[in-house]
PDB file of N, CA and C in Angstrom:
ATOM      1  N   UNK A   1     -78.649 -14.507 -76.142  1.00  0.00           N
ATOM      2  CA  UNK A   1     -78.905 -15.849 -75.648  1.00  0.00           C
ATOM      3  C   UNK A   1     -80.411 -16.103 -75.722  1.00  0.00           C
ATOM      4  N   UNK A   2     -80.752 -17.020 -76.579  1.00  0.00           N
ATOM      5  CA  UNK A   2     -82.160 -17.329 -76.778  1.00  0.00           C
ATOM      6  C   UNK A   2     -82.683 -18.319 -75.745  1.00  0.00           C
ATOM      7  N   UNK A   3     -83.944 -18.623 -75.887  1.00  0.00           N
ATOM      8  CA  UNK A   3     -84.606 -19.544 -74.955  1.00  0.00           C
ATOM      9  C   UNK A   3     -83.990 -20.935 -75.051  1.00  0.00           C
ATOM     10  N   UNK A   4     -83.701 -21.386 -76.261  1.00  0.00           N
ATOM     11  CA  UNK A   4     -83.131 -22.732 -76.410  1.00  0.00           C
ATOM     12  C   UNK A   4     -81.734 -22.811 -75.803  1.00  0.00           C
ATOM     13  N   UNK A   5     -80.932 -21.737 -75.949  1.00  0.00           N
ATOM     14  CA  UNK A   5     -79.607 -21.710 -75.320  1.00  0.00           C
ATOM     15  C   UNK A   5     -79.726 -21.724 -73.803  1.00  0.00           C
ATOM     16  N   UNK A   6     -80.696 -20.984 -73.289  1.00  0.00           N
ATOM     17  CA  UNK A   6     -80.906 -20.947 -71.840  1.00  0.00           C
ATOM     18  C   UNK A   6     -81.344 -22.313 -71.331  1.00  0.00           C
ATOM     19  N   UNK A   7     -82.226 -22.982 -72.063  1.00  0.00           N
ATOM     20  CA  UNK A   7     -82.673 -24.316 -71.660  1.00  0.00           C
ATOM     21  C   UNK A   7     -81.535 -25.332 -71.690  1.00  0.00           C
ATOM     22  N   UNK A   8     -80.680 -25.233 -72.704  1.00  0.00           N
ATOM     23  CA  UNK A   8     -79.518 -26.120 -72.776  1.00  0.00           C
ATOM     24  C   UNK A   8     -78.562 -25.868 -71.611  1.00  0.00           C
ATOM     25  N   UNK A   9     -78.363 -24.601 -71.276  1.00  0.00           N
ATOM     26  CA  UNK A   9     -77.499 -24.270 -70.147  1.00  0.00           C
ATOM     27  C   UNK A   9     -78.071 -24.819 -68.847  1.00  0.00           C
ATOM     28  N   UNK A  10     -79.377 -24.659 -68.640  1.00  0.00           N
ATOM     29  CA  UNK A  10     -80.015 -25.156 -67.418  1.00  0.00           C
ATOM     30  C   UNK A  10     -79.963 -26.686 -67.355  1.00  0.00           C
ATOM     31  N   UNK A  11     -80.119 -27.340 -68.490  1.00  0.00           N
ATOM     32  CA  UNK A  11     -80.028 -28.809 -68.516  1.00  0.00           C
ATOM     33  C   UNK A  11     -78.614 -29.257 -68.153  1.00  0.00           C
ATOM     34  N   UNK A  12     -77.614 -28.567 -68.695  1.00  0.00           N
ATOM     35  CA  UNK A  12     -76.227 -28.893 -68.345  1.00  0.00           C
ATOM     36  C   UNK A  12     -75.960 -28.636 -66.863  1.00  0.00           C
ATOM     37  N   UNK A  13     -76.453 -27.515 -66.355  1.00  0.00           N
ATOM     38  CA  UNK A  13     -76.242 -27.188 -64.947  1.00  0.00           C
ATOM     39  C   UNK A  13     -76.901 -28.219 -64.033  1.00  0.00           C
ATOM     40  N   UNK A  14     -78.091 -28.656 -64.392  1.00  0.00           N
ATOM     41  CA  UNK A  14     -78.774 -29.666 -63.574  1.00  0.00           C
ATOM     42  C   UNK A  14     -78.084 -31.019 -63.663  1.00  0.00           C
ATOM     43  N   UNK A  15     -77.491 -31.335 -64.811  1.00  0.00           N
ATOM     44  CA  UNK A  15     -76.774 -32.602 -64.916  1.00  0.00           C
ATOM     45  C   UNK A  15     -75.482 -32.575 -64.105  1.00  0.00           C
ATOM     46  N   UNK A  16     -74.929 -31.388 -63.893  1.00  0.00           N
ATOM     47  CA  UNK A  16     -73.737 -31.261 -63.057  1.00  0.00           C
ATOM     48  C   UNK A  16     -74.103 -31.333 -61.577  1.00  0.00           C
ATOM     49  N   UNK A  17     -75.105 -30.591 -61.162  1.00  0.00           N
ATOM     50  CA  UNK A  17     -75.448 -30.449 -59.744  1.00  0.00           C
ATOM     51  C   UNK A  17     -76.398 -31.538 -59.259  1.00  0.00           C
ATOM     52  N   UNK A  18     -77.265 -32.021 -60.121  1.00  0.00           N
ATOM     53  CA  UNK A  18     -78.311 -32.953 -59.728  1.00  0.00           C
ATOM     54  C   UNK A  18     -77.861 -34.169 -58.938  1.00  0.00           C
ATOM     55  N   UNK A  19     -76.872 -34.919 -59.403  1.00  0.00           N
ATOM     56  CA  UNK A  19     -76.475 -36.114 -58.659  1.00  0.00           C
ATOM     57  C   UNK A  19     -75.926 -35.829 -57.255  1.00  0.00           C
ATOM     58  N   UNK A  20     -75.413 -34.653 -57.029  1.00  0.00           N
ATOM     59  CA  UNK A  20     -74.839 -34.328 -55.716  1.00  0.00           C
ATOM     60  C   UNK A  20     -75.884 -33.860 -54.708  1.00  0.00           C
ATOM     61  N   UNK A  21     -77.074 -33.549 -55.170  1.00  0.00           N
ATOM     62  CA  UNK A  21     -78.107 -33.034 -54.264  1.00  0.00           C
ATOM     63  C   UNK A  21     -78.451 -34.057 -53.188  1.00  0.00           C
ATOM     64  N   UNK A  22     -78.565 -35.322 -53.562  1.00  0.00           N
ATOM     65  CA  UNK A  22     -78.879 -36.368 -52.595  1.00  0.00           C
ATOM     66  C   UNK A  22     -77.826 -36.498 -51.511  1.00  0.00           C
ATOM     67  N   UNK A  23     -76.574 -36.310 -51.888  1.00  0.00           N
ATOM     68  CA  UNK A  23     -75.500 -36.376 -50.896  1.00  0.00           C
ATOM     69  C   UNK A  23     -75.565 -35.184 -49.952  1.00  0.00           C
ATOM     70  N   UNK A  24     -76.064 -34.059 -50.427  1.00  0.00           N
ATOM     71  CA  UNK A  24     -76.262 -32.902 -49.560  1.00  0.00           C
ATOM     72  C   UNK A  24     -77.298 -33.186 -48.488  1.00  0.00           C
ATOM     73  N   UNK A  25     -78.364 -33.881 -48.857  1.00  0.00           N
ATOM     74  CA  UNK A  25     -79.373 -34.272 -47.870  1.00  0.00           C
ATOM     75  C   UNK A  25     -78.784 -35.228 -46.837  1.00  0.00           C
ATOM     76  N   UNK A  26     -77.938 -36.140 -47.302  1.00  0.00           N
ATOM     77  CA  UNK A  26     -77.313 -37.091 -46.383  1.00  0.00           C
ATOM     78  C   UNK A  26     -76.376 -36.371 -45.413  1.00  0.00           C
ATOM     79  N   UNK A  27     -75.635 -35.401 -45.910  1.00  0.00           N
ATOM     80  CA  UNK A  27     -74.763 -34.588 -45.058  1.00  0.00           C
ATOM     81  C   UNK A  27     -75.593 -33.864 -44.007  1.00  0.00           C
ATOM     82  N   UNK A  28     -76.689 -33.260 -44.434  1.00  0.00           N
ATOM     83  CA  UNK A  28     -77.552 -32.510 -43.533  1.00  0.00           C
ATOM     84  C   UNK A  28     -78.172 -33.422 -42.470  1.00  0.00           C
ATOM     85  N   UNK A  29     -78.559 -34.627 -42.859  1.00  0.00           N
ATOM     86  CA  UNK A  29     -79.145 -35.567 -41.898  1.00  0.00           C
ATOM     87  C   UNK A  29     -78.127 -35.955 -40.825  1.00  0.00           C
ATOM     88  N   UNK A  30     -76.878 -36.192 -41.231  1.00  0.00           N
ATOM     89  CA  UNK A  30     -75.836 -36.504 -40.240  1.00  0.00           C
ATOM     90  C   UNK A  30     -75.601 -35.323 -39.314  1.00  0.00           C
ATOM     91  N   UNK A  31     -75.660 -34.132 -39.858  1.00  0.00           N
ATOM     92  CA  UNK A  31     -75.441 -32.925 -39.051  1.00  0.00           C
ATOM     93  C   UNK A  31     -76.570 -32.735 -38.037  1.00  0.00           C
ATOM     94  N   UNK A  32     -77.796 -32.965 -38.454  1.00  0.00           N
ATOM     95  CA  UNK A  32     -78.928 -32.772 -37.557  1.00  0.00           C
ATOM     96  C   UNK A  32     -78.991 -33.840 -36.471  1.00  0.00           C
ATOM     97  N   UNK A  33     -78.755 -35.103 -36.844  1.00  0.00           N
ATOM     98  CA  UNK A  33     -78.858 -36.204 -35.885  1.00  0.00           C
ATOM     99  C   UNK A  33     -77.578 -36.417 -35.079  1.00  0.00           C
ATOM    100  N   UNK A  34     -76.483 -35.773 -35.492  1.00  0.00           N
ATOM    101  CA  UNK A  34     -75.177 -35.907 -34.836  1.00  0.00           C
ATOM    102  C   UNK A  34     -74.719 -37.366 -34.766  1.00  0.00           C
ATOM    103  N   UNK A  35     -75.059 -38.121 -35.780  1.00  0.00           N
ATOM    104  CA  UNK A  35     -74.627 -39.513 -35.867  1.00  0.00           C
ATOM    105  C   UNK A  35     -74.463 -39.898 -37.333  1.00  0.00           C
ATOM    106  N   UNK A  36     -73.589 -40.856 -37.559  1.00  0.00           N
ATOM    107  CA  UNK A  36     -73.402 -41.347 -38.926  1.00  0.00           C
ATOM    108  C   UNK A  36     -73.861 -42.795 -39.048  1.00  0.00           C
ATOM    109  N   UNK A  37     -74.731 -43.214 -38.137  1.00  0.00           N
ATOM    110  CA  UNK A  37     -75.262 -44.576 -38.189  1.00  0.00           C
ATOM    111  C   UNK A  37     -75.995 -44.809 -39.506  1.00  0.00           C
ATOM    112  N   UNK A  38     -75.745 -45.971 -40.099  1.00  0.00           N
ATOM    113  CA  UNK A  38     -76.398 -46.323 -41.353  1.00  0.00           C
ATOM    114  C   UNK A  38     -75.661 -45.845 -42.586  1.00  0.00           C
ATOM    115  N   UNK A  39     -74.592 -45.084 -42.404  1.00  0.00           N
ATOM    116  CA  UNK A  39     -73.828 -44.585 -43.547  1.00  0.00           C
ATOM    117  C   UNK A  39     -72.731 -45.584 -43.881  1.00  0.00           C
ATOM    118  N   UNK A  40     -72.591 -45.932 -45.142  1.00  0.00           N
ATOM    119  CA  UNK A  40     -71.582 -46.891 -45.584  1.00  0.00           C
ATOM    120  C   UNK A  40     -70.455 -46.159 -46.313  1.00  0.00           C
ATOM    121  N   UNK A  41     -69.294 -46.020 -45.677  1.00  0.00           N
ATOM    122  CA  UNK A  41     -68.193 -45.314 -46.346  1.00  0.00           C
ATOM    123  C   UNK A  41     -67.665 -46.053 -47.568  1.00  0.00           C
ATOM    124  N   UNK A  42     -67.960 -47.342 -47.686  1.00  0.00           N
ATOM    125  CA  UNK A  42     -67.521 -48.092 -48.861  1.00  0.00           C
ATOM    126  C   UNK A  42     -68.174 -47.565 -50.133  1.00  0.00           C
ATOM    127  N   UNK A  43     -69.383 -47.060 -50.003  1.00  0.00           N
ATOM    128  CA  UNK A  43     -70.071 -46.477 -51.160  1.00  0.00           C
ATOM    129  C   UNK A  43     -69.301 -45.246 -51.645  1.00  0.00           C
ATOM    130  N   UNK A  44     -68.814 -44.444 -50.700  1.00  0.00           N
ATOM    131  CA  UNK A  44     -68.007 -43.271 -51.074  1.00  0.00           C
ATOM    132  C   UNK A  44     -66.768 -43.697 -51.847  1.00  0.00           C
ATOM    133  N   UNK A  45     -66.134 -44.768 -51.389  1.00  0.00           N
ATOM    134  CA  UNK A  45     -64.940 -45.264 -52.074  1.00  0.00           C
ATOM    135  C   UNK A  45     -65.271 -45.671 -53.507  1.00  0.00           C
ATOM    136  N   UNK A  46     -66.350 -46.384 -53.682  1.00  0.00           N
ATOM    137  CA  UNK A  46     -66.749 -46.830 -55.021  1.00  0.00           C
ATOM    138  C   UNK A  46     -67.057 -45.639 -55.922  1.00  0.00           C
ATOM    139  N   UNK A  47     -67.812 -44.675 -55.401  1.00  0.00           N
ATOM    140  CA  UNK A  47     -68.164 -43.500 -56.200  1.00  0.00           C
ATOM    141  C   UNK A  47     -66.911 -42.692 -56.529  1.00  0.00           C
ATOM    142  N   UNK A  48     -66.014 -42.518 -55.551  1.00  0.00           N
ATOM    143  CA  UNK A  48     -64.796 -41.745 -55.807  1.00  0.00           C
ATOM    144  C   UNK A  48     -63.916 -42.411 -56.863  1.00  0.00           C
ATOM    145  N   UNK A  49     -63.759 -43.729 -56.787  1.00  0.00           N
ATOM    146  CA  UNK A  49     -62.951 -44.436 -57.786  1.00  0.00           C
ATOM    147  C   UNK A  49     -63.576 -44.290 -59.174  1.00  0.00           C
ATOM    148  N   UNK A  50     -64.891 -44.429 -59.263  1.00  0.00           N
ATOM    149  CA  UNK A  50     -65.520 -44.308 -60.573  1.00  0.00           C
ATOM    150  C   UNK A  50     -65.434 -42.877 -61.114  1.00  0.00           C
ATOM    151  N   UNK A  51     -65.515 -41.872 -60.239  1.00  0.00           N
ATOM    152  CA  UNK A  51     -65.408 -40.489 -60.711  1.00  0.00           C
ATOM    153  C   UNK A  51     -63.974 -40.145 -61.119  1.00  0.00           C
ATOM    154  N   UNK A  52     -63.006 -40.664 -60.394  1.00  0.00           N
ATOM    155  CA  UNK A  52     -61.602 -40.454 -60.780  1.00  0.00           C
ATOM    156  C   UNK A  52     -61.336 -41.136 -62.120  1.00  0.00           C
ATOM    157  N   UNK A  53     -61.889 -42.330 -62.311  1.00  0.00           N
ATOM    158  CA  UNK A  53     -61.735 -43.016 -63.598  1.00  0.00           C
ATOM    159  C   UNK A  53     -62.386 -42.213 -64.717  1.00  0.00           C
ATOM    160  N   UNK A  54     -63.541 -41.615 -64.439  1.00  0.00           N
ATOM    161  CA  UNK A  54     -64.221 -40.796 -65.459  1.00  0.00           C
ATOM    162  C   UNK A  54     -63.379 -39.574 -65.804  1.00  0.00           C
ATOM    163  N   UNK A  55     -62.801 -38.934 -64.772  1.00  0.00           N
ATOM    164  CA  UNK A  55     -61.957 -37.764 -65.044  1.00  0.00           C
ATOM    165  C   UNK A  55     -60.719 -38.167 -65.828  1.00  0.00           C
ATOM    166  N   UNK A  56     -60.128 -39.315 -65.529  1.00  0.00           N
ATOM    167  CA  UNK A  56     -58.977 -39.793 -66.291  1.00  0.00           C
ATOM    168  C   UNK A  56     -59.388 -40.068 -67.741  1.00  0.00           C
ATOM    169  N   UNK A  57     -60.534 -40.700 -67.922  1.00  0.00           N
ATOM    170  CA  UNK A  57     -60.997 -40.995 -69.272  1.00  0.00           C
ATOM    171  C   UNK A  57     -61.220 -39.712 -70.066  1.00  0.00           C
ATOM    172  N   UNK A  58     -61.697 -38.652 -69.389  1.00  0.00           N
ATOM    173  CA  UNK A  58     -61.876 -37.371 -70.071  1.00  0.00           C
ATOM    174  C   UNK A  58     -60.527 -36.845 -70.548  1.00  0.00           C
ATOM    175  N   UNK A  59     -59.496 -37.060 -69.772  1.00  0.00           N
ATOM    176  CA  UNK A  59     -58.155 -36.608 -70.159  1.00  0.00           C
ATOM    177  C   UNK A  59     -57.679 -37.361 -71.406  1.00  0.00           C
ATOM    178  N   UNK A  60     -58.022 -38.655 -71.480  1.00  0.00           N
ATOM    179  CA  UNK A  60     -57.595 -39.484 -72.608  1.00  0.00           C
ATOM    180  C   UNK A  60     -58.425 -39.197 -73.851  1.00  0.00           C
ATOM    181  N   UNK A  61     -59.742 -39.165 -73.677  1.00  0.00           N
ATOM    182  CA  UNK A  61     -60.638 -38.920 -74.813  1.00  0.00           C
ATOM    183  C   UNK A  61     -61.732 -37.959 -74.370  1.00  0.00           C
ATOM    184  N   UNK A  62     -61.708 -36.766 -74.908  1.00  0.00           N
ATOM    185  CA  UNK A  62     -62.613 -35.695 -74.470  1.00  0.00           C
ATOM    186  C   UNK A  62     -64.071 -36.055 -74.729  1.00  0.00           C
ATOM    187  N   UNK A  63     -64.903 -35.735 -73.749  1.00  0.00           N
ATOM    188  CA  UNK A  63     -66.349 -35.830 -73.896  1.00  0.00           C
ATOM    189  C   UNK A  63     -66.946 -34.568 -73.313  1.00  0.00           C
ATOM    190  N   UNK A  64     -68.235 -34.519 -73.135  1.00  0.00           N
ATOM    191  CA  UNK A  64     -68.924 -33.296 -72.728  1.00  0.00           C
ATOM    192  C   UNK A  64     -68.375 -32.740 -71.410  1.00  0.00           C
ATOM    193  N   UNK A  65     -68.113 -31.450 -71.403  1.00  0.00           N
ATOM    194  CA  UNK A  65     -67.577 -30.783 -70.219  1.00  0.00           C
ATOM    195  C   UNK A  65     -68.498 -30.895 -68.996  1.00  0.00           C
ATOM    196  N   UNK A  66     -69.819 -30.823 -69.130  1.00  0.00           N
ATOM    197  CA  UNK A  66     -70.674 -30.992 -67.945  1.00  0.00           C
ATOM    198  C   UNK A  66     -70.471 -32.335 -67.236  1.00  0.00           C
ATOM    199  N   UNK A  67     -70.151 -33.387 -67.987  1.00  0.00           N
ATOM    200  CA  UNK A  67     -69.907 -34.682 -67.349  1.00  0.00           C
ATOM    201  C   UNK A  67     -68.608 -34.679 -66.559  1.00  0.00           C
ATOM    202  N   UNK A  68     -67.603 -33.946 -67.039  1.00  0.00           N
ATOM    203  CA  UNK A  68     -66.365 -33.804 -66.281  1.00  0.00           C
ATOM    204  C   UNK A  68     -66.618 -33.012 -65.001  1.00  0.00           C
ATOM    205  N   UNK A  69     -67.376 -31.929 -65.109  1.00  0.00           N
ATOM    206  CA  UNK A  69     -67.691 -31.129 -63.926  1.00  0.00           C
ATOM    207  C   UNK A  69     -68.528 -31.925 -62.934  1.00  0.00           C
ATOM    208  N   UNK A  70     -69.434 -32.736 -63.447  1.00  0.00           N
ATOM    209  CA  UNK A  70     -70.235 -33.599 -62.576  1.00  0.00           C
ATOM    210  C   UNK A  70     -69.337 -34.571 -61.811  1.00  0.00           C
ATOM    211  N   UNK A  71     -68.369 -35.170 -62.492  1.00  0.00           N
ATOM    212  CA  UNK A  71     -67.459 -36.109 -61.839  1.00  0.00           C
ATOM    213  C   UNK A  71     -66.639 -35.412 -60.757  1.00  0.00           C
ATOM    214  N   UNK A  72     -66.162 -34.215 -61.051  1.00  0.00           N
ATOM    215  CA  UNK A  72     -65.372 -33.477 -60.059  1.00  0.00           C
ATOM    216  C   UNK A  72     -66.225 -33.109 -58.846  1.00  0.00           C
ATOM    217  N   UNK A  73     -67.439 -32.644 -59.086  1.00  0.00           N
ATOM    218  CA  UNK A  73     -68.318 -32.278 -57.976  1.00  0.00           C
ATOM    219  C   UNK A  73     -68.698 -33.490 -57.137  1.00  0.00           C
ATOM    220  N   UNK A  74     -68.953 -34.616 -57.771  1.00  0.00           N
ATOM    221  CA  UNK A  74     -69.266 -35.833 -57.026  1.00  0.00           C
ATOM    222  C   UNK A  74     -68.071 -36.310 -56.203  1.00  0.00           C
ATOM    223  N   UNK A  75     -66.868 -36.225 -56.756  1.00  0.00           N
ATOM    224  CA  UNK A  75     -65.679 -36.629 -56.003  1.00  0.00           C
ATOM    225  C   UNK A  75     -65.493 -35.736 -54.779  1.00  0.00           C
ATOM    226  N   UNK A  76     -65.677 -34.438 -54.954  1.00  0.00           N
ATOM    227  CA  UNK A  76     -65.558 -33.512 -53.813  1.00  0.00           C
ATOM    228  C   UNK A  76     -66.650 -33.787 -52.787  1.00  0.00           C
ATOM    229  N   UNK A  77     -67.862 -34.061 -53.238  1.00  0.00           N
ATOM    230  CA  UNK A  77     -68.947 -34.331 -52.294  1.00  0.00           C
ATOM    231  C   UNK A  77     -68.680 -35.612 -51.505  1.00  0.00           C
ATOM    232  N   UNK A  78     -68.024 -36.588 -52.113  1.00  0.00           N
ATOM    233  CA  UNK A  78     -67.692 -37.818 -51.390  1.00  0.00           C
ATOM    234  C   UNK A  78     -66.639 -37.558 -50.313  1.00  0.00           C
ATOM    235  N   UNK A  79     -65.681 -36.705 -50.613  1.00  0.00           N
ATOM    236  CA  UNK A  79     -64.674 -36.348 -49.598  1.00  0.00           C
ATOM    237  C   UNK A  79     -65.344 -35.630 -48.426  1.00  0.00           C
ATOM    238  N   UNK A  80     -66.270 -34.731 -48.724  1.00  0.00           N
ATOM    239  CA  UNK A  80     -66.989 -34.014 -47.666  1.00  0.00           C
ATOM    240  C   UNK A  80     -67.825 -34.985 -46.841  1.00  0.00           C
ATOM    241  N   UNK A  81     -68.483 -35.935 -47.494  1.00  0.00           N
ATOM    242  CA  UNK A  81     -69.273 -36.931 -46.763  1.00  0.00           C
ATOM    243  C   UNK A  81     -68.390 -37.808 -45.880  1.00  0.00           C
ATOM    244  N   UNK A  82     -67.219 -38.185 -46.383  1.00  0.00           N
ATOM    245  CA  UNK A  82     -66.304 -38.982 -45.557  1.00  0.00           C
ATOM    246  C   UNK A  82     -65.831 -38.189 -44.343  1.00  0.00           C
ATOM    247  N   UNK A  83     -65.601 -36.912 -44.513  1.00  0.00           N
ATOM    248  CA  UNK A  83     -65.237 -36.066 -43.377  1.00  0.00           C
ATOM    249  C   UNK A  83     -66.373 -36.033 -42.355  1.00  0.00           C
ATOM    250  N   UNK A  84     -67.584 -35.854 -42.836  1.00  0.00           N
ATOM    251  CA  UNK A  84     -68.749 -35.815 -41.950  1.00  0.00           C
ATOM    252  C   UNK A  84     -68.935 -37.161 -41.245  1.00  0.00           C
ATOM    253  N   UNK A  85     -68.746 -38.244 -41.985  1.00  0.00           N
ATOM    254  CA  UNK A  85     -68.859 -39.580 -41.387  1.00  0.00           C
ATOM    255  C   UNK A  85     -67.825 -39.754 -40.287  1.00  0.00           C
ATOM    256  N   UNK A  86     -66.607 -39.312 -40.538  1.00  0.00           N
ATOM    257  CA  UNK A  86     -65.547 -39.460 -39.553  1.00  0.00           C
ATOM    258  C   UNK A  86     -65.822 -38.599 -38.319  1.00  0.00           C
ATOM    259  N   UNK A  87     -66.440 -37.443 -38.501  1.00  0.00           N
ATOM    260  CA  UNK A  87     -66.774 -36.579 -37.361  1.00  0.00           C
ATOM    261  C   UNK A  87     -67.730 -37.250 -36.394  1.00  0.00           C
ATOM    262  N   UNK A  88     -68.730 -37.949 -36.923  1.00  0.00           N
ATOM    263  CA  UNK A  88     -69.774 -38.508 -36.086  1.00  0.00           C
ATOM    264  C   UNK A  88     -69.670 -40.020 -35.901  1.00  0.00           C
ATOM    265  N   UNK A  89     -68.644 -40.630 -36.446  1.00  0.00           N
ATOM    266  CA  UNK A  89     -68.493 -42.073 -36.328  1.00  0.00           C
ATOM    267  C   UNK A  89     -68.094 -42.454 -34.909  1.00  0.00           C
ATOM    268  N   UNK A  90     -68.648 -43.557 -34.440  1.00  0.00           N
ATOM    269  CA  UNK A  90     -68.295 -44.043 -33.109  1.00  0.00           C
ATOM    270  C   UNK A  90     -66.923 -44.702 -33.116  1.00  0.00           C
ATOM    271  N   UNK A  91     -66.511 -45.223 -34.249  1.00  0.00           N
ATOM    272  CA  UNK A  91     -65.179 -45.814 -34.372  1.00  0.00           C
ATOM    273  C   UNK A  91     -64.267 -44.778 -35.008  1.00  0.00           C
ATOM    274  N   UNK A  92     -63.267 -44.395 -34.299  1.00  0.00           N
ATOM    275  CA  UNK A  92     -62.341 -43.378 -34.787  1.00  0.00           C
ATOM    276  C   UNK A  92     -61.276 -43.995 -35.664  1.00  0.00           C
ATOM    277  N   UNK A  93     -60.900 -43.281 -36.695  1.00  0.00           N
ATOM    278  CA  UNK A  93     -59.812 -43.701 -37.554  1.00  0.00           C
ATOM    279  C   UNK A  93     -58.524 -43.198 -36.927  1.00  0.00           C
ATOM    280  N   UNK A  94     -57.576 -44.104 -36.651  1.00  0.00           N
ATOM    281  CA  UNK A  94     -56.337 -43.636 -36.019  1.00  0.00           C
ATOM    282  C   UNK A  94     -55.531 -42.765 -36.981  1.00  0.00           C
ATOM    283  N   UNK A  95     -55.017 -41.703 -36.458  1.00  0.00           N
ATOM    284  CA  UNK A  95     -54.192 -40.788 -37.230  1.00  0.00           C
ATOM    285  C   UNK A  95     -52.754 -40.962 -36.759  1.00  0.00           C
ATOM    286  N   UNK A  96     -51.859 -41.128 -37.704  1.00  0.00           N
ATOM    287  CA  UNK A  96     -50.458 -41.318 -37.344  1.00  0.00           C
ATOM    288  C   UNK A  96     -49.870 -40.016 -36.839  1.00  0.00           C
ATOM    289  N   UNK A  97     -49.219 -40.080 -35.719  1.00  0.00           N
ATOM    290  CA  UNK A  97     -48.528 -38.907 -35.214  1.00  0.00           C
ATOM    291  C   UNK A  97     -47.065 -39.002 -35.609  1.00  0.00           C
ATOM    292  N   UNK A  98     -46.317 -37.972 -35.303  1.00  0.00           N
ATOM    293  CA  UNK A  98     -44.899 -37.976 -35.667  1.00  0.00           C
ATOM    294  C   UNK A  98     -44.125 -38.980 -34.822  1.00  0.00           C
ATOM    295  N   UNK A  99     -44.658 -39.388 -33.661  1.00  0.00           N
ATOM    296  CA  UNK A  99     -43.958 -40.324 -32.787  1.00  0.00           C
ATOM    297  C   UNK A  99     -44.308 -41.773 -33.090  1.00  0.00           C
ATOM    298  N   UNK A 100     -45.358 -42.021 -33.850  1.00  0.00           N
ATOM    299  CA  UNK A 100     -45.736 -43.402 -34.122  1.00  0.00           C
ATOM    300  C   UNK A 100     -44.940 -43.928 -35.310  1.00  0.00           C
ATOM    301  N   UNK A 101     -44.781 -45.222 -35.347  1.00  0.00           N
ATOM    302  CA  UNK A 101     -44.045 -45.873 -36.425  1.00  0.00           C
ATOM    303  C   UNK A 101     -44.916 -46.956 -37.019  1.00  0.00           C
ATOM    304  N   UNK A 102     -44.739 -47.175 -38.293  1.00  0.00           N
ATOM    305  CA  UNK A 102     -45.528 -48.211 -38.945  1.00  0.00           C
ATOM    306  C   UNK A 102     -45.153 -49.582 -38.403  1.00  0.00           C
ATOM    307  N   UNK A 103     -43.869 -49.829 -38.256  1.00  0.00           N
ATOM    308  CA  UNK A 103     -43.384 -51.098 -37.713  1.00  0.00           C
ATOM    309  C   UNK A 103     -42.802 -50.827 -36.339  1.00  0.00           C
ATOM    310  N   UNK A 104     -43.304 -51.544 -35.352  1.00  0.00           N
ATOM    311  CA  UNK A 104     -42.737 -51.445 -34.006  1.00  0.00           C
ATOM    312  C   UNK A 104     -41.535 -52.395 -33.968  1.00  0.00           C
ATOM    313  N   UNK A 105     -40.338 -51.822 -34.066  1.00  0.00           N
ATOM    314  CA  UNK A 105     -39.146 -52.643 -34.174  1.00  0.00           C
ATOM    315  C   UNK A 105     -38.904 -53.496 -32.938  1.00  0.00           C
ATOM    316  N   UNK A 106     -39.284 -52.995 -31.747  1.00  0.00           N
ATOM    317  CA  UNK A 106     -39.071 -53.788 -30.548  1.00  0.00           C
ATOM    318  C   UNK A 106     -39.933 -55.051 -30.579  1.00  0.00           C
ATOM    319  N   UNK A 107     -41.144 -54.953 -31.079  1.00  0.00           N
ATOM    320  CA  UNK A 107     -42.014 -56.130 -31.189  1.00  0.00           C
ATOM    321  C   UNK A 107     -41.459 -57.072 -32.254  1.00  0.00           C
ATOM    322  N   UNK A 108     -41.011 -56.530 -33.365  1.00  0.00           N
ATOM    323  CA  UNK A 108     -40.450 -57.327 -34.437  1.00  0.00           C
ATOM    324  C   UNK A 108     -39.199 -58.061 -33.980  1.00  0.00           C
ATOM    325  N   UNK A 109     -38.340 -57.363 -33.231  1.00  0.00           N
ATOM    326  CA  UNK A 109     -37.102 -57.941 -32.737  1.00  0.00           C
ATOM    327  C   UNK A 109     -37.397 -59.128 -31.807  1.00  0.00           C
ATOM    328  N   UNK A 110     -38.388 -59.000 -30.939  1.00  0.00           N
ATOM    329  CA  UNK A 110     -38.700 -60.084 -30.005  1.00  0.00           C
ATOM    330  C   UNK A 110     -39.214 -61.324 -30.754  1.00  0.00           C
ATOM    331  N   UNK A 111     -39.917 -61.142 -31.850  1.00  0.00           N
ATOM    332  CA  UNK A 111     -40.393 -62.288 -32.621  1.00  0.00           C
ATOM    333  C   UNK A 111     -39.267 -62.948 -33.412  1.00  0.00           C
ATOM    334  N   UNK A 112     -38.286 -62.183 -33.812  1.00  0.00           N
ATOM    335  CA  UNK A 112     -37.198 -62.726 -34.616  1.00  0.00           C
ATOM    336  C   UNK A 112     -36.191 -63.505 -33.757  1.00  0.00           C
ATOM    337  N   UNK A 113     -36.091 -63.183 -32.483  1.00  0.00           N
ATOM    338  CA  UNK A 113     -35.094 -63.826 -31.636  1.00  0.00           C
ATOM    339  C   UNK A 113     -35.618 -65.096 -30.983  1.00  0.00           C
ATOM    340  N   UNK A 114     -36.883 -65.370 -31.106  1.00  0.00           N
ATOM    341  CA  UNK A 114     -37.447 -66.566 -30.474  1.00  0.00           C
ATOM    342  C   UNK A 114     -37.155 -67.822 -31.254  1.00  0.00           C
TER     343      UNK A 114
END
C-alpha cells in the first residue's frame, strides 16, 4: 500500500465520518447541558429522509461505496440524536401502551348517537 493509496483511503474515511462529527458535538452539548433546547427534530427528519433516499438510489444505481457508508452513518446519527432529544425534551412523546387504543370507541359512540 503506497502513499497515494493511503491518502485515498484517508480521504474516503474522512468523507464517511466527517459529516457526522458535527452531530457528535451536538449530542455532547445536550449531554453536558442536560437540555435539548434549541434542537429542531424536523432537521433530523429531513436528513434521515434524504439519507434513506440516497441509500435507495445506491440500490438502484451503484455509486461510490464511501457515499453509501456516509448515508448509513448519518441516518444512524440522526436516530441517536432523536433519542437524545427525547431524553432531555420538556415535551414528552406519548408511547402507546398495550391498554391504550388508537380510537376511543366510547367517545366515538357518544358522538354518533347525538
